[in-house]
Amino acid sequence: MRIIHTSDIHLTSRDHRRLEALQELLRKTGEEKADLLVISGDMFDSNEEADILRPRLRKMLSSLSFTIAVIPGNHDMDSYRADMNFGDSIKVLNRLPFEMLDFEKTRIIAVPYANQSFNELVGPLRENIDSKKVNILMIHCSLDIPHLSQDGYGEERKQAYLPVGSRILGSIGFDYVLAGHFHSRTVENRLSEETLFLYPGSPVSVSRKEKGRRTAVLLDTEKPSSDRIRFIPLDTFYYEDISIELSPGKEKEILGKLQETLEKYSSQRADICL
């Protein structure tokens, strides 16, 4: 099974670049002949924006060659309670405490963001691991990895959203955890011998804290374990910092270097910050 993993698109009617990022994700998913596009929370910037964009998305997210699986995040946790008709190709997994999606050789267990304790879910999640399948957890959470700075969560307040312990998560028995909530970059972290944790990073720069070209994650469960993960560059908007040292008497050389640097990004959708 081929799965494209993303999260934190934060769709809003006020920013066309985020809608374009969704279109790019749909294009890439089709191009890669993936079976499933997984969006691990915060597809929308707010519940109100989900209502505004729903009519526009119905056409975009219908009659696709693949399925879109989405869970609520902390920004859009109430977006799917009333009208879930966002198109016939999207499946919203919002049943509490979790919901399962079964395929021939793959089981996906989705934990929608809500005011619940992850520790209380550990036992029930472990009981639903299928040893004959590749087991995948979808979750929108704050993971306790020390090297993930608070700045990496975009414009969030300094608050842990559905905090999850990496040691506990790694002991449940999942092969892959496809997570959302961390914006700034892609994170790949092995929690145990059998569990690989992945934050894809936001597929479009939501704030200036998300710097560098954006990526999505491709998981191919039919390949050998060592070759299942690939990071796919996206043609979406992003911010990039460049630094050029100014030295008296070297103006011509510096201007040439600046021009060369800017030309490097001329074919990409980048906003350069000097």
Protein backbone atom coordinates (compact mmCIF):
# COMPACT_ATOMS: atom_id res chain seq x y z
CA MET A 1 0.00 0.00 0.00
CA ARG A 2 1.32 3.45 -0.92
CA ILE A 3 0.51 6.29 1.48
CA ILE A 4 1.30 10.01 1.26
CA HIS A 5 1.49 11.60 4.72
CA THR A 6 1.00 15.30 5.49
CA SER A 7 -0.56 17.51 8.17
CA ASP A 8 -1.12 21.10 9.28
CA ILE A 9 -2.20 22.65 5.99
CA HIS A 10 -4.27 25.19 7.95
CA LEU A 11 -6.57 25.95 5.04
CA THR A 12 -8.11 29.40 5.12
CA SER A 13 -10.05 31.47 2.62
CA ARG A 14 -7.67 34.33 3.39
CA ASP A 15 -4.57 32.63 1.93
CA HIS A 16 -4.73 31.12 -1.57
CA ARG A 17 -1.25 29.60 -1.14
CA ARG A 18 -2.57 27.03 1.32
CA LEU A 19 -5.32 25.95 -1.05
CA GLU A 20 -2.68 25.67 -3.76
CA ALA A 21 -0.66 23.48 -1.39
CA LEU A 22 -3.64 21.13 -1.07
CA GLN A 23 -3.88 20.98 -4.86
CA GLU A 24 -0.16 20.16 -5.03
CA LEU A 25 -0.63 17.36 -2.51
CA LEU A 26 -3.48 15.92 -4.57
CA ARG A 27 -1.31 16.14 -7.69
CA LYS A 28 1.63 14.42 -6.00
CA THR A 29 -0.57 11.69 -4.57
CA GLY A 30 -1.91 10.92 -8.03
CA GLU A 31 1.53 11.18 -9.61
CA GLU A 32 2.96 8.70 -7.10
CA LYS A 33 -0.01 6.36 -7.71
CA ALA A 34 -0.66 6.32 -3.96
CA ASP A 35 -3.72 4.60 -2.52
CA LEU A 36 -4.19 6.98 0.38
CA LEU A 37 -3.45 10.59 1.34
CA VAL A 38 -3.25 10.87 5.14
CA ILE A 39 -3.78 14.30 6.75
CA SER A 40 -2.91 14.06 10.44
CA GLY A 41 -4.87 17.03 11.76
CA ASP A 42 -5.31 20.78 11.29
CA MET A 43 -6.42 20.54 7.69
CA PHE A 44 -8.27 23.79 8.48
CA ASP A 45 -7.04 26.86 10.32
CA SER A 46 -10.33 27.08 12.24
CA ASN A 47 -13.79 25.58 12.44
CA GLU A 48 -15.20 28.71 10.79
CA GLU A 49 -12.85 28.38 7.82
CA ALA A 50 -13.96 24.76 7.35
CA ASP A 51 -17.55 26.00 6.96
CA ILE A 52 -16.49 28.70 4.49
CA LEU A 53 -14.39 26.35 2.35
CA ARG A 54 -16.64 23.26 2.42
CA PRO A 55 -18.58 24.09 -0.81
CA ARG A 56 -15.34 24.84 -2.68
CA LEU A 57 -13.65 21.65 -1.48
CA ARG A 58 -16.50 19.29 -2.42
CA LYS A 59 -15.53 19.47 -6.09
CA MET A 60 -11.77 19.39 -5.42
CA LEU A 61 -12.01 16.34 -3.16
CA SER A 62 -14.37 14.23 -5.27
CA SER A 63 -13.87 11.56 -7.95
CA LEU A 64 -10.19 11.10 -7.10
CA SER A 65 -8.25 7.90 -7.81
CA PHE A 66 -7.30 7.63 -4.13
CA THR A 67 -8.86 8.13 -0.71
CA ILE A 68 -8.09 10.98 1.68
CA ALA A 69 -8.09 10.05 5.38
CA VAL A 70 -8.18 13.00 7.79
CA ILE A 71 -8.37 13.40 11.55
CA PRO A 72 -9.26 16.56 13.48
CA GLY A 73 -6.46 18.59 15.04
CA ASN A 74 -6.55 21.19 17.80
CA HIS A 75 -7.44 23.95 15.29
CA ASP A 76 -10.32 22.13 13.60
CA MET A 77 -11.53 19.65 16.21
CA ASP A 78 -15.17 20.76 15.77
CA SER A 79 -15.10 21.13 11.99
CA TYR A 80 -16.52 17.70 11.24
CA ARG A 81 -19.33 17.36 13.77
CA ALA A 82 -22.21 18.75 11.73
CA ASP A 83 -21.65 18.48 7.97
CA MET A 84 -18.85 16.14 6.91
CA ASN A 85 -19.60 16.42 3.18
CA PHE A 86 -16.23 17.69 1.97
CA GLY A 87 -16.28 15.44 -1.12
CA ASP A 88 -16.78 11.77 -1.91
CA SER A 89 -13.03 10.97 -1.82
CA ILE A 90 -12.44 12.09 1.76
CA LYS A 91 -12.99 9.97 4.86
CA VAL A 92 -13.10 11.81 8.18
CA LEU A 93 -11.95 9.65 11.09
CA ASN A 94 -13.37 11.44 14.13
CA ARG A 95 -14.96 8.69 16.21
CA LEU A 96 -13.81 8.75 19.85
CA PRO A 97 -11.67 7.43 21.40
CA PHE A 98 -10.29 6.10 18.08
CA GLU A 99 -11.38 4.68 14.76
CA MET A 100 -9.96 1.89 12.59
CA LEU A 101 -9.50 1.72 8.84
CA ASP A 102 -8.67 -1.78 7.58
CA PHE A 103 -7.09 -2.81 4.30
CA GLU A 104 -5.87 -6.20 3.12
CA LYS A 105 -2.38 -5.92 4.64
CA THR A 106 -2.60 -2.64 6.56
CA ARG A 107 -4.51 -1.45 9.62
CA ILE A 108 -4.77 2.28 10.36
CA ILE A 109 -5.92 3.37 13.81
CA ALA A 110 -6.85 7.05 13.99
CA VAL A 111 -6.95 9.03 17.23
CA PRO A 112 -8.84 12.29 16.60
CA TYR A 113 -7.72 15.27 18.62
CA ALA A 114 -9.96 15.76 21.66
CA ASN A 115 -9.78 16.51 25.34
CA GLN A 116 -8.72 12.98 26.26
CA SER A 117 -5.70 11.41 27.93
CA PHE A 118 -3.46 9.35 25.68
CA ASN A 119 -2.36 7.16 28.58
CA GLU A 120 -5.93 5.91 28.94
CA LEU A 121 -5.85 4.77 25.31
CA VAL A 122 -2.68 2.69 25.54
CA GLY A 123 -4.39 -0.56 26.62
CA PRO A 124 -7.23 -0.41 24.05
CA LEU A 125 -4.80 0.56 21.26
CA ARG A 126 -2.50 -2.34 22.10
CA GLU A 127 -5.47 -4.75 22.02
CA ASN A 128 -6.30 -3.66 18.46
CA ILE A 129 -2.86 -4.25 16.97
CA ASP A 130 -3.14 -6.85 14.20
CA SER A 131 0.06 -8.92 14.10
CA LYS A 132 -0.69 -10.05 10.54
CA LYS A 133 -0.76 -6.49 9.17
CA VAL A 134 1.31 -3.32 9.03
CA ASN A 135 -0.10 -1.25 11.89
CA ILE A 136 -0.21 2.54 11.52
CA LEU A 137 -1.31 5.16 14.06
CA MET A 138 -2.66 8.53 12.94
CA ILE A 139 -2.46 11.15 15.69
CA HIS A 140 -2.19 14.92 16.23
CA CYS A 141 0.00 15.38 19.29
CA SER A 142 2.94 16.89 21.13
CA LEU A 143 5.72 14.32 21.42
CA ASP A 144 8.30 14.55 24.22
CA ILE A 145 11.41 14.63 22.02
CA PRO A 146 13.88 17.12 23.58
CA HIS A 147 15.33 18.38 20.27
CA LEU A 148 11.91 19.55 19.02
CA SER A 149 11.76 23.20 20.03
CA GLN A 150 8.50 24.97 20.83
CA ASP A 151 9.11 27.26 17.83
CA GLY A 152 8.63 24.24 15.57
CA TYR A 153 4.92 24.19 16.34
CA GLY A 154 4.22 27.35 14.34
CA GLU A 155 2.26 30.08 16.07
CA GLU A 156 0.92 27.83 18.83
CA ARG A 157 0.95 29.02 22.41
CA LYS A 158 3.40 27.30 24.74
CA GLN A 159 1.05 24.47 25.54
CA ALA A 160 1.27 20.73 24.97
CA TYR A 161 -1.61 19.52 22.80
CA LEU A 162 -2.43 15.86 23.53
CA PRO A 163 1.02 15.21 25.08
CA VAL A 164 2.36 11.75 24.29
CA GLY A 165 5.32 9.96 25.88
CA SER A 166 7.69 8.54 23.27
CA ARG A 167 8.63 5.54 25.42
CA ILE A 168 4.99 4.58 25.99
CA LEU A 169 4.09 5.17 22.34
CA GLY A 170 6.99 3.02 21.21
CA SER A 171 5.86 0.14 23.39
CA ILE A 172 2.33 -0.27 21.98
CA GLY A 173 3.29 -2.19 18.85
CA PHE A 174 2.70 0.17 15.93
CA ASP A 175 5.00 -0.08 12.93
CA TYR A 176 4.51 3.58 12.00
CA VAL A 177 3.09 6.67 13.71
CA LEU A 178 1.96 9.27 11.17
CA ALA A 179 1.62 12.35 13.33
CA GLY A 180 0.72 15.99 12.97
CA HIS A 181 1.11 19.24 14.92
CA PHE A 182 4.83 19.96 14.39
CA HIS A 183 5.24 22.52 11.59
CA SER A 184 8.79 23.55 10.97
CA ARG A 185 10.37 20.49 9.33
CA THR A 186 10.11 16.78 8.71
CA VAL A 187 11.01 14.66 11.73
CA GLU A 188 11.82 10.96 11.60
CA ASN A 189 12.38 9.37 15.00
CA ARG A 190 12.67 5.70 15.91
CA LEU A 191 10.82 5.17 19.19
CA SER A 192 11.61 1.46 19.45
CA GLU A 193 12.90 -1.37 17.29
CA GLU A 194 9.51 -1.69 15.61
CA THR A 195 8.03 1.82 15.79
CA LEU A 196 9.01 4.70 13.51
CA PHE A 197 7.50 8.11 14.34
CA LEU A 198 7.03 10.72 11.59
CA TYR A 199 6.12 14.40 11.62
CA PRO A 200 5.90 15.55 7.97
CA GLY A 201 6.02 19.26 8.80
CA SER A 202 3.52 21.64 7.25
CA PRO A 203 3.30 21.35 3.43
CA VAL A 204 3.26 25.14 3.10
CA SER A 205 4.82 27.85 5.24
CA VAL A 206 2.05 28.94 7.61
CA SER A 207 4.38 31.40 9.35
CA ARG A 208 8.00 32.55 9.01
CA LYS A 209 9.00 29.80 11.43
CA GLU A 210 8.47 27.20 8.69
CA LYS A 211 11.57 27.76 6.60
CA GLY A 212 12.95 25.70 3.75
CA ARG A 213 11.30 23.76 0.95
CA ARG A 214 8.29 21.78 2.14
CA THR A 215 7.99 18.01 1.85
CA ALA A 216 5.51 15.17 2.24
CA VAL A 217 6.26 11.61 3.35
CA LEU A 218 5.71 8.58 1.11
CA LEU A 219 5.26 5.26 2.92
CA ASP A 220 5.21 2.15 0.72
CA THR A 221 4.33 -0.87 2.87
CA GLU A 222 5.01 -3.31 0.02
CA LYS A 223 8.73 -2.51 -0.01
CA PRO A 224 11.37 -3.94 2.36
CA SER A 225 11.33 -2.24 5.77
CA SER A 226 14.61 -0.41 5.12
CA ASP A 227 13.28 1.17 1.91
CA ARG A 228 9.69 2.07 2.77
CA ILE A 229 10.08 5.78 3.54
CA ARG A 230 10.80 8.52 1.01
CA PHE A 231 10.54 12.30 1.41
CA ILE A 232 8.89 14.07 -1.51
CA PRO A 233 9.69 17.77 -2.24
CA LEU A 234 6.59 19.88 -2.85
CA ASP A 235 6.19 22.83 -5.19
CA THR A 236 4.52 24.98 -2.54
CA PHE A 237 5.17 28.37 -0.94
CA TYR A 238 7.88 28.59 1.73
CA TYR A 239 10.15 31.07 3.47
CA GLU A 240 13.94 30.86 3.25
CA ASP A 241 16.65 32.77 5.10
CA ILE A 242 19.85 33.68 3.29
CA SER A 243 22.87 35.33 4.86
CA ILE A 244 25.52 37.28 2.95
CA GLU A 245 28.50 38.84 4.70
CA LEU A 246 29.24 42.41 3.67
CA SER A 247 32.90 43.44 3.35
CA PRO A 248 34.20 46.88 2.25
CA GLY A 249 35.94 46.75 -1.12
CA LYS A 250 34.21 43.54 -2.21
CA GLU A 251 30.93 45.09 -3.38
CA LYS A 252 31.09 43.60 -6.89
CA GLU A 253 31.85 40.12 -5.56
CA ILE A 254 29.04 40.38 -2.97
CA LEU A 255 26.47 41.57 -5.54
CA GLY A 256 27.44 38.68 -7.81
CA LYS A 257 26.99 36.23 -4.96
CA LEU A 258 23.62 37.77 -4.09
CA GLN A 259 22.43 37.50 -7.70
CA GLU A 260 23.61 33.89 -7.88
CA THR A 261 21.78 33.05 -4.65
CA LEU A 262 18.54 34.70 -5.75
CA GLU A 263 18.65 32.94 -9.14
CA LYS A 264 18.85 29.63 -7.30
CA TYR A 265 15.37 30.29 -5.88
CA SER A 266 13.88 32.03 -8.95
CA SER A 267 12.12 28.85 -10.14
CA GLN A 268 10.76 28.02 -6.70
CA ARG A 269 7.90 29.54 -4.74
CA ALA A 270 10.07 31.01 -2.02
CA ASP A 271 9.94 34.28 -0.10
CA ILE A 272 13.56 35.18 0.60
CA CYS A 273 14.41 36.86 3.90
CA LEU A 274 17.81 38.61 4.05
